[in-house]
Amino acid sequence: MASPLIIEASTTDTSPSAPSVPTKATALTPPTGWTNDPDSMDLDYYWQGRNGDLKATLAKWHNLPDAQPLITRLPDFGGVSFLFQSGTKYYVWNGVADVVWSIESPTSLEEIYQTISKRQGWLGALTMKNLTEEEEEGGGVNL
């Protein structure tokens, strides 16, 4: 299978009505069980205030001020999860457990997608660090 085109710039459409989905992510084919379709991602519900404001929460609780959703897990594959980018790093938010992990390895978005695809949509092969546990152990916000 040929590799999809990768756009190096990670730009977003910042108009008020447009969801923030970086073009770099939309240029890649999402892994099995995940989607980057803005309508399927329900961005206005999770990221733009109808059910809280995930972007503001990630900035306040995890010091991730520029979090941008890339893909979300499809309902058939389990609860709500988003793979998102903040700065040059990638993260996963699990909405059921309200936990955030930083992806330590692999570090490129293409390799992350490939790794998730090899596991048929699951995140088990990624090396991740639980940011929520660090905050709880350090006396920070208890989720």
N, C-alpha and C. Protein backbone atom coordinates (compact mmCIF):
# COMPACT_ATOMS: atom_id res chain seq x y z
N MET A 1 0.83 -1.16 0.00
CA MET A 1 0.00 0.00 0.00
C MET A 1 0.89 1.23 0.00
N ALA A 2 0.61 2.19 -0.85
CA ALA A 2 1.40 3.41 -0.96
C ALA A 2 1.14 4.31 0.24
N SER A 3 2.18 5.00 0.68
CA SER A 3 2.03 5.94 1.78
C SER A 3 1.28 7.16 1.30
N PRO A 4 0.34 7.67 2.12
CA PRO A 4 -0.38 8.87 1.74
C PRO A 4 0.53 10.09 1.79
N LEU A 5 0.14 11.12 1.10
CA LEU A 5 0.89 12.36 1.07
C LEU A 5 0.90 12.98 2.47
N ILE A 6 2.06 13.46 2.91
CA ILE A 6 2.16 14.12 4.20
C ILE A 6 2.43 15.59 3.95
N ILE A 7 1.62 16.43 4.52
CA ILE A 7 1.83 17.87 4.44
C ILE A 7 2.58 18.27 5.70
N GLU A 8 3.76 18.84 5.55
CA GLU A 8 4.60 19.16 6.70
C GLU A 8 4.02 20.27 7.56
N ALA A 9 3.40 21.27 6.97
CA ALA A 9 2.85 22.35 7.77
C ALA A 9 1.63 21.85 8.53
N SER A 10 1.52 22.23 9.77
CA SER A 10 0.38 21.83 10.58
C SER A 10 -0.50 23.06 10.80
N THR A 11 -1.20 23.46 9.74
CA THR A 11 -2.02 24.65 9.81
C THR A 11 -3.45 24.27 10.13
N THR A 12 -4.20 25.26 10.60
CA THR A 12 -5.61 25.03 10.88
C THR A 12 -6.42 26.16 10.30
N ASP A 13 -7.69 25.88 10.04
CA ASP A 13 -8.64 26.91 9.63
C ASP A 13 -9.18 27.52 10.92
N THR A 14 -8.93 28.79 11.17
CA THR A 14 -9.29 29.40 12.44
C THR A 14 -10.60 30.19 12.40
N SER A 15 -11.37 30.05 11.33
CA SER A 15 -12.64 30.74 11.30
C SER A 15 -13.54 30.18 12.40
N PRO A 16 -14.40 31.01 13.02
CA PRO A 16 -15.18 30.57 14.17
C PRO A 16 -16.04 29.34 13.93
N SER A 17 -16.56 29.18 12.72
CA SER A 17 -17.45 28.05 12.47
C SER A 17 -16.72 26.78 12.07
N ALA A 18 -15.42 26.88 11.80
CA ALA A 18 -14.68 25.70 11.34
C ALA A 18 -14.02 24.98 12.51
N PRO A 19 -14.18 23.65 12.58
CA PRO A 19 -13.48 22.91 13.62
C PRO A 19 -11.98 22.96 13.37
N SER A 20 -11.19 22.87 14.41
CA SER A 20 -9.74 22.92 14.28
C SER A 20 -9.19 21.53 14.04
N VAL A 21 -9.02 21.17 12.80
CA VAL A 21 -8.41 19.90 12.45
C VAL A 21 -7.20 20.21 11.58
N PRO A 22 -5.99 20.03 12.11
CA PRO A 22 -4.80 20.37 11.33
C PRO A 22 -4.76 19.65 9.99
N THR A 23 -4.28 20.35 8.96
CA THR A 23 -4.23 19.76 7.63
C THR A 23 -3.26 18.60 7.56
N LYS A 24 -2.23 18.59 8.39
CA LYS A 24 -1.28 17.48 8.40
C LYS A 24 -2.01 16.17 8.72
N ALA A 25 -2.90 16.22 9.69
CA ALA A 25 -3.63 15.02 10.08
C ALA A 25 -4.61 14.58 9.01
N THR A 26 -5.27 15.53 8.34
CA THR A 26 -6.26 15.15 7.34
C THR A 26 -5.60 14.62 6.08
N ALA A 27 -4.29 14.85 5.91
CA ALA A 27 -3.59 14.32 4.75
C ALA A 27 -3.23 12.85 4.92
N LEU A 28 -3.26 12.37 6.14
CA LEU A 28 -2.95 10.97 6.42
C LEU A 28 -4.24 10.17 6.52
N THR A 29 -4.17 8.91 6.17
CA THR A 29 -5.31 8.03 6.33
C THR A 29 -5.38 7.59 7.79
N PRO A 30 -6.50 7.85 8.48
CA PRO A 30 -6.59 7.46 9.89
C PRO A 30 -6.45 5.94 10.06
N PRO A 31 -5.94 5.52 11.20
CA PRO A 31 -5.82 4.09 11.47
C PRO A 31 -7.19 3.42 11.54
N THR A 32 -7.21 2.12 11.42
CA THR A 32 -8.43 1.34 11.56
C THR A 32 -9.11 1.70 12.88
N GLY A 33 -10.41 1.95 12.82
CA GLY A 33 -11.16 2.25 14.03
C GLY A 33 -11.15 3.70 14.44
N TRP A 34 -10.51 4.56 13.65
CA TRP A 34 -10.40 5.98 13.97
C TRP A 34 -10.85 6.80 12.77
N THR A 35 -11.22 8.07 13.00
CA THR A 35 -11.63 8.94 11.91
C THR A 35 -11.10 10.36 12.12
N ASN A 36 -10.92 11.06 11.01
CA ASN A 36 -10.58 12.48 11.08
C ASN A 36 -11.68 13.32 10.43
N ASP A 37 -12.83 12.72 10.18
CA ASP A 37 -13.97 13.44 9.62
C ASP A 37 -14.55 14.36 10.70
N PRO A 38 -14.52 15.69 10.48
CA PRO A 38 -14.98 16.63 11.52
C PRO A 38 -16.40 16.34 12.02
N ASP A 39 -17.31 15.94 11.14
CA ASP A 39 -18.68 15.65 11.59
C ASP A 39 -18.71 14.43 12.51
N SER A 40 -17.95 13.40 12.18
CA SER A 40 -17.91 12.19 13.00
C SER A 40 -17.16 12.41 14.31
N MET A 41 -16.25 13.39 14.31
CA MET A 41 -15.46 13.67 15.51
C MET A 41 -16.26 14.44 16.57
N ASP A 42 -17.39 15.00 16.20
CA ASP A 42 -18.25 15.74 17.12
C ASP A 42 -17.46 16.83 17.85
N LEU A 43 -16.69 17.59 17.07
CA LEU A 43 -15.79 18.60 17.63
C LEU A 43 -16.53 19.70 18.39
N ASP A 44 -17.69 20.10 17.89
CA ASP A 44 -18.41 21.16 18.59
C ASP A 44 -18.88 20.70 19.97
N TYR A 45 -19.09 19.42 20.14
CA TYR A 45 -19.53 18.89 21.43
C TYR A 45 -18.38 18.83 22.43
N TYR A 46 -17.24 18.28 22.02
CA TYR A 46 -16.11 18.09 22.93
C TYR A 46 -15.14 19.26 22.98
N TRP A 47 -14.86 19.88 21.84
CA TRP A 47 -13.79 20.87 21.77
C TRP A 47 -14.28 22.31 21.75
N GLN A 48 -15.58 22.52 21.55
CA GLN A 48 -16.04 23.90 21.41
C GLN A 48 -17.17 24.25 22.37
N GLY A 49 -17.27 23.58 23.49
CA GLY A 49 -18.11 24.06 24.56
C GLY A 49 -19.46 23.45 24.84
N ARG A 50 -20.04 22.65 23.97
CA ARG A 50 -21.37 22.10 24.28
C ARG A 50 -21.30 21.12 25.44
N ASN A 51 -20.20 20.43 25.63
CA ASN A 51 -20.02 19.50 26.75
C ASN A 51 -18.76 19.90 27.50
N GLY A 52 -18.64 21.16 27.80
CA GLY A 52 -17.40 21.67 28.36
C GLY A 52 -16.50 22.10 27.21
N ASP A 53 -15.31 22.46 27.54
CA ASP A 53 -14.36 22.93 26.53
C ASP A 53 -13.06 22.18 26.75
N LEU A 54 -12.89 21.08 26.01
CA LEU A 54 -11.73 20.21 26.19
C LEU A 54 -10.43 20.97 25.97
N LYS A 55 -10.40 21.85 24.98
CA LYS A 55 -9.18 22.61 24.72
C LYS A 55 -8.79 23.45 25.94
N ALA A 56 -9.75 24.13 26.54
CA ALA A 56 -9.47 24.94 27.73
C ALA A 56 -9.06 24.06 28.92
N THR A 57 -9.70 22.91 29.05
CA THR A 57 -9.37 21.98 30.13
C THR A 57 -7.95 21.45 29.97
N LEU A 58 -7.56 21.08 28.75
CA LEU A 58 -6.20 20.58 28.52
C LEU A 58 -5.17 21.66 28.79
N ALA A 59 -5.50 22.90 28.47
CA ALA A 59 -4.58 24.02 28.73
C ALA A 59 -4.42 24.23 30.24
N LYS A 60 -5.52 24.22 30.96
CA LYS A 60 -5.49 24.51 32.40
C LYS A 60 -4.90 23.36 33.21
N TRP A 61 -5.35 22.15 32.98
CA TRP A 61 -4.96 21.02 33.81
C TRP A 61 -3.64 20.38 33.40
N HIS A 62 -3.30 20.46 32.10
CA HIS A 62 -2.12 19.74 31.60
C HIS A 62 -1.10 20.64 30.92
N ASN A 63 -1.31 21.97 30.97
CA ASN A 63 -0.41 22.92 30.35
C ASN A 63 -0.20 22.62 28.86
N LEU A 64 -1.30 22.35 28.17
CA LEU A 64 -1.29 22.08 26.73
C LEU A 64 -2.18 23.12 26.05
N PRO A 65 -1.70 24.38 25.95
CA PRO A 65 -2.55 25.48 25.51
C PRO A 65 -2.98 25.46 24.05
N ASP A 66 -2.28 24.75 23.22
CA ASP A 66 -2.61 24.77 21.79
C ASP A 66 -3.07 23.41 21.27
N ALA A 67 -3.78 22.66 22.10
CA ALA A 67 -4.24 21.32 21.72
C ALA A 67 -5.16 21.37 20.51
N GLN A 68 -4.87 20.51 19.52
CA GLN A 68 -5.68 20.42 18.30
C GLN A 68 -6.06 18.96 18.06
N PRO A 69 -7.35 18.64 17.96
CA PRO A 69 -7.76 17.26 17.71
C PRO A 69 -7.32 16.80 16.33
N LEU A 70 -6.84 15.57 16.24
CA LEU A 70 -6.41 15.00 14.96
C LEU A 70 -7.36 13.90 14.50
N ILE A 71 -7.61 12.95 15.39
CA ILE A 71 -8.51 11.84 15.07
C ILE A 71 -9.26 11.43 16.34
N THR A 72 -10.37 10.75 16.16
CA THR A 72 -11.11 10.21 17.28
C THR A 72 -11.44 8.74 17.00
N ARG A 73 -11.60 7.99 18.06
CA ARG A 73 -11.94 6.57 17.94
C ARG A 73 -13.41 6.46 17.52
N LEU A 74 -13.68 5.58 16.58
CA LEU A 74 -15.05 5.35 16.15
C LEU A 74 -15.82 4.63 17.26
N PRO A 75 -17.13 4.87 17.38
CA PRO A 75 -17.91 4.27 18.47
C PRO A 75 -17.81 2.74 18.55
N ASP A 76 -17.68 2.07 17.42
CA ASP A 76 -17.59 0.61 17.42
C ASP A 76 -16.33 0.11 18.12
N PHE A 77 -15.34 0.99 18.33
CA PHE A 77 -14.07 0.58 18.91
C PHE A 77 -13.96 0.97 20.38
N GLY A 78 -15.03 1.37 21.00
CA GLY A 78 -14.98 1.71 22.42
C GLY A 78 -15.37 3.14 22.68
N GLY A 79 -15.10 3.59 23.90
CA GLY A 79 -15.51 4.92 24.35
C GLY A 79 -14.82 6.04 23.59
N VAL A 80 -15.09 7.24 24.03
CA VAL A 80 -14.58 8.44 23.39
C VAL A 80 -13.09 8.61 23.67
N SER A 81 -12.31 8.69 22.62
CA SER A 81 -10.88 8.98 22.73
C SER A 81 -10.49 9.89 21.58
N PHE A 82 -9.59 10.81 21.86
CA PHE A 82 -9.04 11.68 20.83
C PHE A 82 -7.53 11.58 20.84
N LEU A 83 -6.94 11.49 19.66
CA LEU A 83 -5.51 11.68 19.51
C LEU A 83 -5.38 13.14 19.09
N PHE A 84 -4.56 13.89 19.82
CA PHE A 84 -4.43 15.31 19.51
C PHE A 84 -2.97 15.74 19.57
N GLN A 85 -2.72 16.92 19.05
CA GLN A 85 -1.38 17.48 19.01
C GLN A 85 -1.36 18.76 19.82
N SER A 86 -0.28 18.96 20.55
CA SER A 86 -0.02 20.23 21.23
C SER A 86 1.46 20.50 21.06
N GLY A 87 1.76 21.62 20.43
CA GLY A 87 3.17 21.89 20.10
C GLY A 87 3.65 20.85 19.10
N THR A 88 4.76 20.23 19.40
CA THR A 88 5.32 19.22 18.50
C THR A 88 5.07 17.79 18.98
N LYS A 89 4.31 17.64 20.07
CA LYS A 89 4.05 16.31 20.64
C LYS A 89 2.62 15.87 20.38
N TYR A 90 2.40 14.57 20.52
CA TYR A 90 1.08 13.97 20.32
C TYR A 90 0.61 13.35 21.63
N TYR A 91 -0.70 13.39 21.83
CA TYR A 91 -1.32 12.96 23.08
C TYR A 91 -2.60 12.20 22.79
N VAL A 92 -3.07 11.47 23.80
CA VAL A 92 -4.36 10.79 23.73
C VAL A 92 -5.16 11.20 24.96
N TRP A 93 -6.42 11.59 24.72
CA TRP A 93 -7.36 11.85 25.81
C TRP A 93 -8.42 10.77 25.76
N ASN A 94 -8.63 10.08 26.88
CA ASN A 94 -9.68 9.08 27.00
C ASN A 94 -10.83 9.73 27.76
N GLY A 95 -11.95 9.91 27.09
CA GLY A 95 -13.09 10.60 27.68
C GLY A 95 -13.83 9.80 28.73
N VAL A 96 -13.75 8.48 28.69
CA VAL A 96 -14.44 7.66 29.68
C VAL A 96 -13.71 7.78 31.02
N ALA A 97 -12.39 7.62 31.00
CA ALA A 97 -11.58 7.70 32.22
C ALA A 97 -11.11 9.12 32.53
N ASP A 98 -11.29 10.05 31.58
CA ASP A 98 -10.81 11.42 31.68
C ASP A 98 -9.32 11.44 32.04
N VAL A 99 -8.55 10.74 31.21
CA VAL A 99 -7.11 10.60 31.40
C VAL A 99 -6.41 11.09 30.13
N VAL A 100 -5.25 11.71 30.31
CA VAL A 100 -4.44 12.19 29.19
C VAL A 100 -3.09 11.50 29.24
N TRP A 101 -2.66 10.97 28.09
CA TRP A 101 -1.34 10.35 27.95
C TRP A 101 -0.54 11.11 26.90
N SER A 102 0.74 11.28 27.15
CA SER A 102 1.62 11.80 26.10
C SER A 102 2.19 10.58 25.39
N ILE A 103 2.28 10.65 24.07
CA ILE A 103 2.85 9.54 23.30
C ILE A 103 4.35 9.77 23.24
N GLU A 104 5.09 8.86 23.83
CA GLU A 104 6.55 8.97 23.90
C GLU A 104 7.23 8.32 22.70
N SER A 105 6.60 7.25 22.18
CA SER A 105 7.18 6.53 21.04
C SER A 105 6.08 5.75 20.34
N PRO A 106 6.06 5.79 19.04
CA PRO A 106 6.88 6.57 18.11
C PRO A 106 6.55 8.06 18.23
N THR A 107 7.35 8.89 17.58
CA THR A 107 7.17 10.34 17.73
C THR A 107 6.59 11.03 16.51
N SER A 108 6.63 10.40 15.34
CA SER A 108 6.03 11.04 14.15
C SER A 108 4.58 10.59 14.00
N LEU A 109 3.76 11.49 13.48
CA LEU A 109 2.35 11.18 13.31
C LEU A 109 2.14 9.99 12.39
N GLU A 110 2.90 9.92 11.31
CA GLU A 110 2.76 8.80 10.38
C GLU A 110 3.07 7.47 11.08
N GLU A 111 4.13 7.44 11.88
CA GLU A 111 4.48 6.21 12.60
C GLU A 111 3.44 5.86 13.67
N ILE A 112 2.89 6.88 14.32
CA ILE A 112 1.83 6.63 15.30
C ILE A 112 0.63 5.99 14.62
N TYR A 113 0.21 6.55 13.48
CA TYR A 113 -0.92 5.98 12.73
C TYR A 113 -0.62 4.54 12.31
N GLN A 114 0.59 4.30 11.82
CA GLN A 114 0.97 2.95 11.38
C GLN A 114 0.94 1.97 12.56
N THR A 115 1.43 2.40 13.70
CA THR A 115 1.46 1.55 14.89
C THR A 115 0.05 1.20 15.34
N ILE A 116 -0.83 2.19 15.36
CA ILE A 116 -2.22 1.94 15.75
C ILE A 116 -2.89 1.01 14.73
N SER A 117 -2.61 1.22 13.44
CA SER A 117 -3.18 0.37 12.39
C SER A 117 -2.75 -1.09 12.56
N LYS A 118 -1.48 -1.30 12.89
CA LYS A 118 -0.98 -2.67 13.09
C LYS A 118 -1.70 -3.37 14.23
N ARG A 119 -2.16 -2.60 15.20
CA ARG A 119 -2.89 -3.17 16.34
C ARG A 119 -4.40 -3.11 16.12
N GLN A 120 -4.81 -2.91 14.88
CA GLN A 120 -6.21 -2.88 14.47
C GLN A 120 -7.03 -1.87 15.26
N GLY A 121 -6.45 -0.67 15.42
CA GLY A 121 -7.18 0.42 16.04
C GLY A 121 -6.88 0.67 17.51
N TRP A 122 -6.18 -0.23 18.15
CA TRP A 122 -5.91 -0.09 19.58
C TRP A 122 -4.56 0.58 19.81
N LEU A 123 -4.38 1.16 20.97
CA LEU A 123 -3.21 1.96 21.28
C LEU A 123 -2.10 1.19 22.00
N GLY A 124 -2.29 -0.10 22.23
CA GLY A 124 -1.40 -0.89 23.07
C GLY A 124 0.07 -0.90 22.69
N ALA A 125 0.41 -0.69 21.43
CA ALA A 125 1.81 -0.75 21.02
C ALA A 125 2.52 0.60 21.15
N LEU A 126 1.79 1.64 21.50
CA LEU A 126 2.41 2.95 21.69
C LEU A 126 3.03 3.02 23.08
N THR A 127 4.16 3.70 23.20
CA THR A 127 4.74 3.96 24.51
C THR A 127 4.19 5.30 24.97
N MET A 128 3.42 5.28 26.08
CA MET A 128 2.76 6.50 26.54
C MET A 128 3.03 6.74 28.02
N LYS A 129 2.96 8.01 28.40
CA LYS A 129 3.13 8.41 29.80
C LYS A 129 1.83 9.06 30.25
N ASN A 130 1.30 8.60 31.38
CA ASN A 130 0.04 9.09 31.92
C ASN A 130 0.28 10.44 32.60
N LEU A 131 -0.22 11.52 32.00
CA LEU A 131 -0.05 12.86 32.57
C LEU A 131 -0.93 13.06 33.79
N THR A 132 -2.07 12.40 33.83
CA THR A 132 -3.00 12.56 34.94
C THR A 132 -2.41 12.00 36.23
N GLU A 133 -1.76 10.83 36.16
CA GLU A 133 -1.14 10.24 37.36
C GLU A 133 -0.05 11.14 37.89
N GLU A 134 0.75 11.75 37.00
CA GLU A 134 1.80 12.65 37.43
C GLU A 134 1.22 13.81 38.23
N GLU A 135 0.11 14.36 37.77
CA GLU A 135 -0.52 15.48 38.47
C GLU A 135 -1.04 15.03 39.83
N GLU A 136 -1.66 13.84 39.89
CA GLU A 136 -2.20 13.35 41.15
C GLU A 136 -1.07 13.10 42.15
N GLU A 137 0.04 12.49 41.70
CA GLU A 137 1.16 12.21 42.57
C GLU A 137 1.83 13.50 43.02
N GLY A 138 1.86 14.50 42.14
CA GLY A 138 2.52 15.76 42.46
C GLY A 138 1.63 16.74 43.20
N GLY A 139 0.42 16.34 43.55
CA GLY A 139 -0.47 17.22 44.29
C GLY A 139 -1.26 18.17 43.40
N GLY A 140 -1.29 17.92 42.12
CA GLY A 140 -2.01 18.79 41.20
C GLY A 140 -3.49 18.47 41.20
N VAL A 141 -4.14 18.81 40.13
CA VAL A 141 -5.57 18.59 40.00
C VAL A 141 -5.87 17.10 40.01
N ASN A 142 -6.83 16.70 40.82
CA ASN A 142 -7.24 15.31 40.89
C ASN A 142 -8.45 15.11 40.00
N LEU A 143 -8.27 14.33 38.93
CA LEU A 143 -9.37 14.10 37.99
C LEU A 143 -10.24 12.99 38.50
